[in-house]
Structure formats: C-alpha cells, structure tokens
Amino acid sequence: MTRRPTRLVRVLSSALAAGALATTAACSSDGDSDGSRGSGVTASPAARKQPTASPTATLTESGAQTALITAADIEDDWTQVRDTEAENWRDSLLIGTVDVSDFLSAKADAADCQRLMDSLFDDDLLGRPSGASALRGFQEGDSRLLYQVASYERTDPQESLDWMATLPEKCDEFTVTDDGEQRTVQVIEPALPDVGDAREGLRVTVKGETGGEDATLTLDVAAVRVGNNAITVTAGGLDGDEHDSVEQAVQLGTQRLEDVLAGKSPAATPSEIE
C-alpha cells in the first residue's frame, strides 16, 4: 500500500427557496401553524425535510489535518507512523502488466484493470487532489492503513467513484505479470456504511510470490465523497482482512470531515475522552 509524495460538506439545498416557501405558507395560514387554512398554500413534504443550509465551505490545509482520524478511531492495535513513512509505502505485489488475453473481446476492460493496479500502487484512486490534502498512516503487524482527506475543487471525484463501481464486474479476476512471474488478482465489492454523498468500496486480492514463497495480499479500499471533497481509506497486507477497520474509519472519518466543513470541532475520539 503506497503513496507517492505528489499524490467529501454535503451539497446543501437552498435555504432561500425553502425559507420563501415556508414564509408563503405561514402568511397564508391565518395564524394556523401548519399552513392548512387560508389560501391552502403549504410547504411540500420534501421542502419541510430539507436541512438547514449553510455556505459551502472550502477545505483548508489545516481543516484537512483536523479531519484526519486517529488510531483510537479504528481500535485494534493500530499504531500511527510518521507521515514521511506513510507517503512512501509501496507494495511490489501490485506491480505488473495486466494480461489482455484474460479479457477476450473486452479489451477496454484490461485498461481499467491496469489503471486499478497502478492507482493502488500510487494511492490515487480518485486522482490527484486539486486542493488541500492530508494523510495519516497506521501499522499493525504486517498490515497497513492509509487514510487521506482531500479537496477536488477543479476535478470531479464522482467520476472516479463511478469508475470504481464498474470494477467488480470488469475486473472480477485477471492476471498480471512482472519479471515473468504471474499473479492472480480478484476484485469484489464489500458493503460500506451509508455515509457521505456517495461512496464506493473494493476488496482486491493479489495471489503470487514474494521472496520465493507464496503470498496473498488483501486490500480493502473505500472512498467517500462529501461535496467536492473526499476521504480515501486503503488497508490490508499479508495478514489479510482489515474490512472492520476500514468500516470504522469510513464511519467516523466522514463525520469528522462533515464537522470540519460545517465549521464545527469534530467530536472527541475515545483516546481524547480518557
């Protein structure tokens, strides 16, 4: 799991429109609070359910840092590592050229699978951030977890999420080759918490050899969009399944980002409460 050195506020409804509609209903109600009398003009159920709007915030560098999770947010025995170490994580099992013959007539799918492998190696599934960004790395045994918060002001993270959604079908199983060694890659879609404006997850399993011995690399990847900002979590290693930690990071991390964008201080993590 890697990252090269270069490496989500909901879209809020218009308070003006909702307020104008509610005012029209109130003025035509002859004092009745539900707006059911007078002219009969009432706010629609959809309008009444709209959240209170606030200005769309721009994620700053300090805001991105504040939105990062801590080891307490993902429980288990994760230990935070230095940022410089996390920036340079690389896993050689992700290196290789996709075997186009695996795809028969769907040659374009091979290009998507190659993009997946390259993006996992570079830790840039959503592309390079166009605005503020921050990252934090954690380690537990042979497993690693990389958590990123970034703004995509001049790009559209939804396009990358839409692309990720196609991969479990396009890249369900394929082969990559590196220096004559073949590795089998499988891609499935795990469940994620219903958070943010949009979200996608992948579990990628790479079976091959490392140091002359059979090895299986398992990576759980999740991306959550909040407006034109996003969090990305990549976790796993030779120790296997880290999906629970990814779920926790997604659940708590999305809330932290939403709080920061709303101008609030994120809720204290367990470690800060003790």
C-alpha atoms as a PDB file:
ATOM      1  CA  MET A   1       0.000   0.000   0.000  1.00  0.00           C
ATOM      2  CA  THR A   2       1.617   3.195  -1.124  1.00  0.00           C
ATOM      3  CA  ARG A   3       1.551   6.817  -1.742  1.00  0.00           C
ATOM      4  CA  ARG A   4       3.886   8.966  -3.725  1.00  0.00           C
ATOM      5  CA  PRO A   5       4.695  12.375  -2.331  1.00  0.00           C
ATOM      6  CA  THR A   6       2.637  14.017  -5.067  1.00  0.00           C
ATOM      7  CA  ARG A   7      -0.151  12.452  -4.504  1.00  0.00           C
ATOM      8  CA  LEU A   8     -16.031  14.582   0.750  1.00  0.00           C
ATOM      9  CA  VAL A   9     -19.867  19.245   3.229  1.00  0.00           C
ATOM     10  CA  ARG A  10     -22.835  17.692   1.604  1.00  0.00           C
ATOM     11  CA  VAL A  11     -24.358  19.663  -1.244  1.00  0.00           C
ATOM     12  CA  LEU A  12     -26.864  21.626   0.748  1.00  0.00           C
ATOM     13  CA  SER A  13     -30.272  22.704  -0.535  1.00  0.00           C
ATOM     14  CA  SER A  14     -31.107  26.338  -0.983  1.00  0.00           C
ATOM     15  CA  ALA A  15     -32.197  27.915   2.293  1.00  0.00           C
ATOM     16  CA  LEU A  16     -33.626  30.841   0.351  1.00  0.00           C
ATOM     17  CA  ALA A  17     -36.044  28.662  -1.617  1.00  0.00           C
ATOM     18  CA  ALA A  18     -37.090  26.655   1.435  1.00  0.00           C
ATOM     19  CA  GLY A  19     -37.476  29.790   3.526  1.00  0.00           C
ATOM     20  CA  ALA A  20     -39.572  31.575   0.920  1.00  0.00           C
ATOM     21  CA  LEU A  21     -41.890  28.607   0.604  1.00  0.00           C
ATOM     22  CA  ALA A  22     -42.279  28.281   4.379  1.00  0.00           C
ATOM     23  CA  THR A  23     -42.985  32.027   4.665  1.00  0.00           C
ATOM     24  CA  THR A  24     -45.671  31.860   1.978  1.00  0.00           C
ATOM     25  CA  ALA A  25     -47.321  29.001   3.835  1.00  0.00           C
ATOM     26  CA  ALA A  26     -47.189  30.812   7.176  1.00  0.00           C
ATOM     27  CA  CYS A  27     -48.620  34.061   5.793  1.00  0.00           C
ATOM     28  CA  SER A  28     -51.499  32.307   4.102  1.00  0.00           C
ATOM     29  CA  SER A  29     -52.419  30.197   7.123  1.00  0.00           C
ATOM     30  CA  ASP A  30     -54.359  32.909   9.093  1.00  0.00           C
ATOM     31  CA  GLY A  31     -52.163  32.093  12.060  1.00  0.00           C
ATOM     32  CA  ASP A  32     -52.559  28.334  11.792  1.00  0.00           C
ATOM     33  CA  SER A  33     -49.109  26.860  12.286  1.00  0.00           C
ATOM     34  CA  ASP A  34     -49.479  24.013   9.832  1.00  0.00           C
ATOM     35  CA  GLY A  35     -50.497  26.261   6.945  1.00  0.00           C
ATOM     36  CA  SER A  36     -53.616  24.209   6.205  1.00  0.00           C
ATOM     37  CA  ARG A  37     -56.105  27.135   6.127  1.00  0.00           C
ATOM     38  CA  GLY A  38     -56.373  30.470   4.301  1.00  0.00           C
ATOM     39  CA  SER A  39     -55.222  30.158   0.697  1.00  0.00           C
ATOM     40  CA  GLY A  40     -54.304  26.496   1.195  1.00  0.00           C
ATOM     41  CA  VAL A  41     -50.676  27.007   0.158  1.00  0.00           C
ATOM     42  CA  THR A  42     -48.411  24.718   2.190  1.00  0.00           C
ATOM     43  CA  ALA A  43     -44.818  23.664   2.051  1.00  0.00           C
ATOM     44  CA  SER A  44     -44.305  20.318   0.375  1.00  0.00           C
ATOM     45  CA  PRO A  45     -43.092  17.370   2.479  1.00  0.00           C
ATOM     46  CA  ALA A  46     -39.819  17.452   0.577  1.00  0.00           C
ATOM     47  CA  ALA A  47     -39.312  21.121   1.373  1.00  0.00           C
ATOM     48  CA  ARG A  48     -40.058  20.580   5.070  1.00  0.00           C
ATOM     49  CA  LYS A  49     -37.445  17.849   5.235  1.00  0.00           C
ATOM     50  CA  GLN A  50     -34.662  19.916   3.725  1.00  0.00           C
ATOM     51  CA  PRO A  51     -31.752  20.520   6.119  1.00  0.00           C
ATOM     52  CA  THR A  52     -30.780  23.971   7.203  1.00  0.00           C
ATOM     53  CA  ALA A  53     -28.393  25.282   4.610  1.00  0.00           C
ATOM     54  CA  SER A  54     -25.052  26.856   5.300  1.00  0.00           C
ATOM     55  CA  PRO A  55     -22.434  28.225   2.931  1.00  0.00           C
ATOM     56  CA  THR A  56     -20.392  25.590   1.128  1.00  0.00           C
ATOM     57  CA  ALA A  57     -17.020  25.572   2.838  1.00  0.00           C
ATOM     58  CA  THR A  58     -13.642  25.256   1.190  1.00  0.00           C
ATOM     59  CA  LEU A  59     -11.394  22.672   2.778  1.00  0.00           C
ATOM     60  CA  THR A  60      -8.179  24.241   4.011  1.00  0.00           C
ATOM     61  CA  GLU A  61      -4.886  22.541   4.746  1.00  0.00           C
ATOM     62  CA  SER A  62      -5.480  22.919   8.496  1.00  0.00           C
ATOM     63  CA  GLY A  63      -9.054  21.665   8.055  1.00  0.00           C
ATOM     64  CA  ALA A  64      -7.808  18.593   6.204  1.00  0.00           C
ATOM     65  CA  GLN A  65      -5.399  17.869   9.049  1.00  0.00           C
ATOM     66  CA  THR A  66      -8.192  18.282  11.629  1.00  0.00           C
ATOM     67  CA  ALA A  67     -10.412  15.885   9.657  1.00  0.00           C
ATOM     68  CA  LEU A  68      -7.864  13.066   9.861  1.00  0.00           C
ATOM     69  CA  ILE A  69      -8.721  10.114  12.096  1.00  0.00           C
ATOM     70  CA  THR A  70      -6.591   8.829  14.959  1.00  0.00           C
ATOM     71  CA  ALA A  71      -5.592   5.316  15.971  1.00  0.00           C
ATOM     72  CA  ALA A  72      -8.402   5.371  18.569  1.00  0.00           C
ATOM     73  CA  ASP A  73     -10.963   5.734  15.780  1.00  0.00           C
ATOM     74  CA  ILE A  74     -10.011   2.364  14.267  1.00  0.00           C
ATOM     75  CA  GLU A  75      -9.464   0.452  17.506  1.00  0.00           C
ATOM     76  CA  ASP A  76      -7.443  -2.794  17.489  1.00  0.00           C
ATOM     77  CA  ASP A  77      -3.682  -2.282  17.845  1.00  0.00           C
ATOM     78  CA  TRP A  78      -3.007   0.225  15.071  1.00  0.00           C
ATOM     79  CA  THR A  79      -0.040   2.475  15.644  1.00  0.00           C
ATOM     80  CA  GLN A  80       0.369   5.778  13.838  1.00  0.00           C
ATOM     81  CA  VAL A  81       3.540   6.101  11.762  1.00  0.00           C
ATOM     82  CA  ARG A  82       5.444   9.161  10.591  1.00  0.00           C
ATOM     83  CA  ASP A  83       3.856  10.937   7.621  1.00  0.00           C
ATOM     84  CA  THR A  84       7.046  10.607   5.592  1.00  0.00           C
ATOM     85  CA  GLU A  85       6.953   6.849   6.063  1.00  0.00           C
ATOM     86  CA  ALA A  86       3.300   6.582   5.017  1.00  0.00           C
ATOM     87  CA  GLU A  87       3.937   8.734   1.947  1.00  0.00           C
ATOM     88  CA  ASN A  88       6.417   6.223   0.587  1.00  0.00           C
ATOM     89  CA  TRP A  89       4.651   2.933   1.213  1.00  0.00           C
ATOM     90  CA  ARG A  90       4.964   0.688  -1.802  1.00  0.00           C
ATOM     91  CA  ASP A  91       3.907  -2.950  -2.312  1.00  0.00           C
ATOM     92  CA  SER A  92       5.678  -4.807  -5.091  1.00  0.00           C
ATOM     93  CA  LEU A  93       2.838  -7.326  -5.449  1.00  0.00           C
ATOM     94  CA  LEU A  94       0.824  -4.531  -7.068  1.00  0.00           C
ATOM     95  CA  ILE A  95       3.374  -4.046  -9.829  1.00  0.00           C
ATOM     96  CA  GLY A  96       2.704  -5.809 -13.119  1.00  0.00           C
ATOM     97  CA  THR A  97       1.212  -5.703 -16.578  1.00  0.00           C
ATOM     98  CA  VAL A  98      -2.370  -6.887 -16.982  1.00  0.00           C
ATOM     99  CA  ASP A  99      -2.733  -9.868 -19.325  1.00  0.00           C
ATOM    100  CA  VAL A 100      -5.072  -8.603 -22.043  1.00  0.00           C
ATOM    101  CA  SER A 101      -5.864 -12.164 -23.166  1.00  0.00           C
ATOM    102  CA  ASP A 102      -7.867 -12.636 -19.966  1.00  0.00           C
ATOM    103  CA  PHE A 103     -10.486 -10.254 -21.362  1.00  0.00           C
ATOM    104  CA  LEU A 104     -11.111 -11.775 -24.798  1.00  0.00           C
ATOM    105  CA  SER A 105     -13.217  -9.239 -26.704  1.00  0.00           C
ATOM    106  CA  ALA A 106     -13.479  -6.684 -23.877  1.00  0.00           C
ATOM    107  CA  LYS A 107     -10.035  -5.157 -24.390  1.00  0.00           C
ATOM    108  CA  ALA A 108     -11.055  -1.852 -22.815  1.00  0.00           C
ATOM    109  CA  ASP A 109     -11.649  -3.656 -19.517  1.00  0.00           C
ATOM    110  CA  ALA A 110      -7.969  -4.578 -19.403  1.00  0.00           C
ATOM    111  CA  ALA A 111      -7.091  -0.877 -19.424  1.00  0.00           C
ATOM    112  CA  ASP A 112      -9.419  -0.264 -16.467  1.00  0.00           C
ATOM    113  CA  CYS A 113      -7.804  -3.112 -14.539  1.00  0.00           C
ATOM    114  CA  GLN A 114      -4.344  -1.752 -15.305  1.00  0.00           C
ATOM    115  CA  ARG A 115      -5.484   1.654 -14.063  1.00  0.00           C
ATOM    116  CA  LEU A 116      -6.726  -0.020 -10.870  1.00  0.00           C
ATOM    117  CA  MET A 117      -3.386  -1.676 -10.181  1.00  0.00           C
ATOM    118  CA  ASP A 118      -1.436   1.492 -10.938  1.00  0.00           C
ATOM    119  CA  SER A 119      -3.779   3.579  -8.777  1.00  0.00           C
ATOM    120  CA  LEU A 120      -3.441   1.170  -5.864  1.00  0.00           C
ATOM    121  CA  PHE A 121       0.329   1.371  -6.166  1.00  0.00           C
ATOM    122  CA  ASP A 122       0.185   5.182  -6.221  1.00  0.00           C
ATOM    123  CA  ASP A 123      -2.694   5.517  -3.721  1.00  0.00           C
ATOM    124  CA  ASP A 124      -4.562   7.878  -6.029  1.00  0.00           C
ATOM    125  CA  LEU A 125      -7.816   6.095  -6.901  1.00  0.00           C
ATOM    126  CA  LEU A 126      -9.618   9.450  -7.046  1.00  0.00           C
ATOM    127  CA  GLY A 127      -6.820  11.158  -8.909  1.00  0.00           C
ATOM    128  CA  ARG A 128      -4.539  13.864  -7.606  1.00  0.00           C
ATOM    129  CA  PRO A 129      -6.238  16.358  -5.279  1.00  0.00           C
ATOM    130  CA  SER A 130      -6.683  19.798  -6.787  1.00  0.00           C
ATOM    131  CA  GLY A 131      -7.000  21.469  -3.388  1.00  0.00           C
ATOM    132  CA  ALA A 132      -5.956  20.889   0.210  1.00  0.00           C
ATOM    133  CA  SER A 133      -4.997  17.379   1.283  1.00  0.00           C
ATOM    134  CA  ALA A 134      -3.635  15.478   4.262  1.00  0.00           C
ATOM    135  CA  LEU A 135      -2.776  11.883   5.047  1.00  0.00           C
ATOM    136  CA  ARG A 136      -2.081   9.667   8.014  1.00  0.00           C
ATOM    137  CA  GLY A 137      -0.679   6.151   8.135  1.00  0.00           C
ATOM    138  CA  PHE A 138      -1.126   3.367  10.664  1.00  0.00           C
ATOM    139  CA  GLN A 139       0.520  -0.030  11.064  1.00  0.00           C
ATOM    140  CA  GLU A 140      -0.487  -3.243  12.834  1.00  0.00           C
ATOM    141  CA  GLY A 141       1.813  -6.216  12.336  1.00  0.00           C
ATOM    142  CA  ASP A 142       2.212  -6.702   8.590  1.00  0.00           C
ATOM    143  CA  SER A 143      -0.925  -4.701   7.843  1.00  0.00           C
ATOM    144  CA  ARG A 144      -1.024  -1.016   6.944  1.00  0.00           C
ATOM    145  CA  LEU A 145      -3.805   1.555   6.776  1.00  0.00           C
ATOM    146  CA  LEU A 146      -3.511   4.802   4.843  1.00  0.00           C
ATOM    147  CA  TYR A 147      -6.158   7.489   5.428  1.00  0.00           C
ATOM    148  CA  GLN A 148      -6.410  10.507   3.164  1.00  0.00           C
ATOM    149  CA  VAL A 149      -8.581  13.649   3.192  1.00  0.00           C
ATOM    150  CA  ALA A 150      -8.559  15.838   0.097  1.00  0.00           C
ATOM    151  CA  SER A 151     -10.366  18.529  -1.849  1.00  0.00           C
ATOM    152  CA  TYR A 152     -11.069  18.085  -5.549  1.00  0.00           C
ATOM    153  CA  GLU A 153     -12.164  21.650  -6.361  1.00  0.00           C
ATOM    154  CA  ARG A 154     -11.233  21.566 -10.029  1.00  0.00           C
ATOM    155  CA  THR A 155     -11.953  17.901 -10.710  1.00  0.00           C
ATOM    156  CA  ASP A 156     -14.963  15.651 -10.105  1.00  0.00           C
ATOM    157  CA  PRO A 157     -14.422  12.848  -7.562  1.00  0.00           C
ATOM    158  CA  GLN A 158     -17.812  11.393  -8.572  1.00  0.00           C
ATOM    159  CA  GLU A 159     -16.358  10.350 -11.935  1.00  0.00           C
ATOM    160  CA  SER A 160     -13.741   8.260 -10.146  1.00  0.00           C
ATOM    161  CA  LEU A 161     -16.383   6.776  -7.833  1.00  0.00           C
ATOM    162  CA  ASP A 162     -18.472   5.828 -10.874  1.00  0.00           C
ATOM    163  CA  TRP A 163     -15.393   4.184 -12.380  1.00  0.00           C
ATOM    164  CA  MET A 164     -14.704   2.262  -9.175  1.00  0.00           C
ATOM    165  CA  ALA A 165     -18.291   0.936  -9.226  1.00  0.00           C
ATOM    166  CA  THR A 166     -17.633  -0.828 -12.553  1.00  0.00           C
ATOM    167  CA  LEU A 167     -14.510  -2.684 -11.442  1.00  0.00           C
ATOM    168  CA  PRO A 168     -16.009  -5.687  -9.593  1.00  0.00           C
ATOM    169  CA  GLU A 169     -17.617  -6.681 -12.896  1.00  0.00           C
ATOM    170  CA  LYS A 170     -14.912  -5.616 -15.331  1.00  0.00           C
ATOM    171  CA  CYS A 171     -12.013  -6.849 -13.211  1.00  0.00           C
ATOM    172  CA  ASP A 172     -13.535  -9.709 -11.239  1.00  0.00           C
ATOM    173  CA  GLU A 173     -10.461 -11.884 -11.964  1.00  0.00           C
ATOM    174  CA  PHE A 174      -7.398 -11.281 -14.108  1.00  0.00           C
ATOM    175  CA  THR A 175      -3.660 -11.932 -14.293  1.00  0.00           C
ATOM    176  CA  VAL A 176      -0.730  -9.560 -14.014  1.00  0.00           C
ATOM    177  CA  THR A 177       2.852 -10.408 -14.951  1.00  0.00           C
ATOM    178  CA  ASP A 178       6.037  -8.889 -13.577  1.00  0.00           C
ATOM    179  CA  ASP A 179       9.514 -10.150 -14.488  1.00  0.00           C
ATOM    180  CA  GLY A 180       7.996 -13.402 -15.737  1.00  0.00           C
ATOM    181  CA  GLU A 181       6.087 -14.005 -12.511  1.00  0.00           C
ATOM    182  CA  GLN A 182       2.311 -14.257 -12.777  1.00  0.00           C
ATOM    183  CA  ARG A 183      -0.114 -13.130 -10.110  1.00  0.00           C
ATOM    184  CA  THR A 184      -3.875 -13.679  -9.922  1.00  0.00           C
ATOM    185  CA  VAL A 185      -5.997 -10.684  -8.959  1.00  0.00           C
ATOM    186  CA  GLN A 186      -9.621 -10.803  -7.783  1.00  0.00           C
ATOM    187  CA  VAL A 187     -11.891  -7.802  -7.178  1.00  0.00           C
ATOM    188  CA  ILE A 188     -15.174  -7.812  -5.240  1.00  0.00           C
ATOM    189  CA  GLU A 189     -17.438  -5.118  -3.786  1.00  0.00           C
ATOM    190  CA  PRO A 190     -17.766  -5.094   0.027  1.00  0.00           C
ATOM    191  CA  ALA A 191     -20.528  -3.329   1.942  1.00  0.00           C
ATOM    192  CA  LEU A 192     -19.857   0.144   3.346  1.00  0.00           C
ATOM    193  CA  PRO A 193     -21.697   2.331   5.870  1.00  0.00           C
ATOM    194  CA  ASP A 194     -24.291   4.634   4.268  1.00  0.00           C
ATOM    195  CA  VAL A 195     -22.396   7.879   4.807  1.00  0.00           C
ATOM    196  CA  GLY A 196     -21.471  10.932   2.786  1.00  0.00           C
ATOM    197  CA  ASP A 197     -22.968  11.984  -0.533  1.00  0.00           C
ATOM    198  CA  ALA A 198     -21.629   8.910  -2.362  1.00  0.00           C
ATOM    199  CA  ARG A 199     -19.321   6.040  -1.598  1.00  0.00           C
ATOM    200  CA  GLU A 200     -17.635   3.045  -3.220  1.00  0.00           C
ATOM    201  CA  GLY A 201     -15.586   0.168  -1.862  1.00  0.00           C
ATOM    202  CA  LEU A 202     -13.378  -2.570  -3.281  1.00  0.00           C
ATOM    203  CA  ARG A 203     -11.592  -5.605  -1.934  1.00  0.00           C
ATOM    204  CA  VAL A 204      -8.609  -6.533  -4.049  1.00  0.00           C
ATOM    205  CA  THR A 205      -6.803  -9.842  -3.533  1.00  0.00           C
ATOM    206  CA  VAL A 206      -3.452 -10.486  -5.196  1.00  0.00           C
ATOM    207  CA  LYS A 207      -2.023 -14.013  -5.088  1.00  0.00           C
ATOM    208  CA  GLY A 208       1.582 -14.567  -6.116  1.00  0.00           C
ATOM    209  CA  GLU A 209       5.070 -14.979  -4.691  1.00  0.00           C
ATOM    210  CA  THR A 210       7.260 -12.771  -2.573  1.00  0.00           C
ATOM    211  CA  GLY A 211      10.748 -13.810  -1.522  1.00  0.00           C
ATOM    212  CA  GLY A 212      10.225 -17.154  -3.243  1.00  0.00           C
ATOM    213  CA  GLU A 213       7.221 -18.022  -1.079  1.00  0.00           C
ATOM    214  CA  ASP A 214       3.509 -17.993  -1.867  1.00  0.00           C
ATOM    215  CA  ALA A 215       1.819 -14.852  -0.618  1.00  0.00           C
ATOM    216  CA  THR A 216      -1.630 -13.275  -0.689  1.00  0.00           C
ATOM    217  CA  LEU A 217      -2.064  -9.531  -0.438  1.00  0.00           C
ATOM    218  CA  THR A 218      -5.563  -8.400   0.588  1.00  0.00           C
ATOM    219  CA  LEU A 219      -6.505  -4.732   0.348  1.00  0.00           C
ATOM    220  CA  ASP A 220      -9.793  -3.134   1.391  1.00  0.00           C
ATOM    221  CA  VAL A 221     -10.306   0.238  -0.260  1.00  0.00           C
ATOM    222  CA  ALA A 222     -13.073   2.771   0.369  1.00  0.00           C
ATOM    223  CA  ALA A 223     -13.743   6.267  -0.930  1.00  0.00           C
ATOM    224  CA  VAL A 224     -16.466   8.609   0.349  1.00  0.00           C
ATOM    225  CA  ARG A 225     -17.444  11.907  -1.306  1.00  0.00           C
ATOM    226  CA  VAL A 226     -18.713  14.895   0.673  1.00  0.00           C
ATOM    227  CA  GLY A 227     -19.415  17.629  -1.846  1.00  0.00           C
ATOM    228  CA  ASN A 228     -16.233  18.063  -3.849  1.00  0.00           C
ATOM    229  CA  ASN A 229     -14.129  16.655  -1.005  1.00  0.00           C
ATOM    230  CA  ALA A 230     -13.381  13.015  -0.253  1.00  0.00           C
ATOM    231  CA  ILE A 231     -11.820  10.613   2.172  1.00  0.00           C
ATOM    232  CA  THR A 232      -9.977   7.549   0.919  1.00  0.00           C
ATOM    233  CA  VAL A 233      -9.020   4.561   3.062  1.00  0.00           C
ATOM    234  CA  THR A 234      -6.734   1.730   1.962  1.00  0.00           C
ATOM    235  CA  ALA A 235      -5.956  -1.036   4.443  1.00  0.00           C
ATOM    236  CA  GLY A 236      -4.575  -4.543   4.371  1.00  0.00           C
ATOM    237  CA  GLY A 237      -1.461  -6.590   3.832  1.00  0.00           C
ATOM    238  CA  LEU A 238      -0.305 -10.170   4.028  1.00  0.00           C
ATOM    239  CA  ASP A 239      -2.178 -10.613   7.329  1.00  0.00           C
ATOM    240  CA  GLY A 240      -5.488 -10.450   5.443  1.00  0.00           C
ATOM    241  CA  ASP A 241      -8.896  -8.931   6.173  1.00  0.00           C
ATOM    242  CA  GLU A 242      -8.967  -5.368   7.563  1.00  0.00           C
ATOM    243  CA  HIS A 243     -12.543  -4.582   6.497  1.00  0.00           C
ATOM    244  CA  ASP A 244     -13.752  -3.825  10.045  1.00  0.00           C
ATOM    245  CA  SER A 245     -11.092  -1.157  10.474  1.00  0.00           C
ATOM    246  CA  VAL A 246     -11.993   0.345   7.097  1.00  0.00           C
ATOM    247  CA  GLU A 247     -15.665   0.495   8.109  1.00  0.00           C
ATOM    248  CA  GLN A 248     -14.769   2.299  11.341  1.00  0.00           C
ATOM    249  CA  ALA A 249     -12.512   4.733   9.513  1.00  0.00           C
ATOM    250  CA  VAL A 250     -15.235   5.469   6.963  1.00  0.00           C
ATOM    251  CA  GLN A 251     -17.964   5.912   9.578  1.00  0.00           C
ATOM    252  CA  LEU A 252     -16.043   8.202  11.934  1.00  0.00           C
ATOM    253  CA  GLY A 253     -13.893   9.853   9.290  1.00  0.00           C
ATOM    254  CA  THR A 254     -16.827  11.030   7.213  1.00  0.00           C
ATOM    255  CA  GLN A 255     -18.399  12.633  10.286  1.00  0.00           C
ATOM    256  CA  ARG A 256     -15.138  14.382  11.127  1.00  0.00           C
ATOM    257  CA  LEU A 257     -14.909  15.796   7.598  1.00  0.00           C
ATOM    258  CA  GLU A 258     -18.540  16.951   7.654  1.00  0.00           C
ATOM    259  CA  ASP A 259     -17.969  18.643  11.019  1.00  0.00           C
ATOM    260  CA  VAL A 260     -14.896  20.467   9.761  1.00  0.00           C
ATOM    261  CA  LEU A 261     -16.689  21.667   6.635  1.00  0.00           C
ATOM    262  CA  ALA A 262     -19.595  22.884   8.792  1.00  0.00           C
ATOM    263  CA  GLY A 263     -17.210  24.907  10.926  1.00  0.00           C
ATOM    264  CA  LYS A 264     -17.568  22.611  13.928  1.00  0.00           C
ATOM    265  CA  SER A 265     -14.957  20.914  16.052  1.00  0.00           C
ATOM    266  CA  PRO A 266     -15.016  17.146  15.407  1.00  0.00           C
ATOM    267  CA  ALA A 267     -16.328  15.055  18.276  1.00  0.00           C
ATOM    268  CA  ALA A 268     -13.646  13.809  20.634  1.00  0.00           C
ATOM    269  CA  THR A 269     -12.269  10.396  19.883  1.00  0.00           C
ATOM    270  CA  PRO A 270     -12.137   7.751  22.652  1.00  0.00           C
ATOM    271  CA  SER A 271      -8.480   8.496  23.282  1.00  0.00           C
ATOM    272  CA  GLU A 272      -9.243  12.200  23.797  1.00  0.00           C
ATOM    273  CA  ILE A 273     -12.068  11.442  26.255  1.00  0.00           C
ATOM    274  CA  GLU A 274      -9.977   9.262  28.527  1.00  0.00           C
END
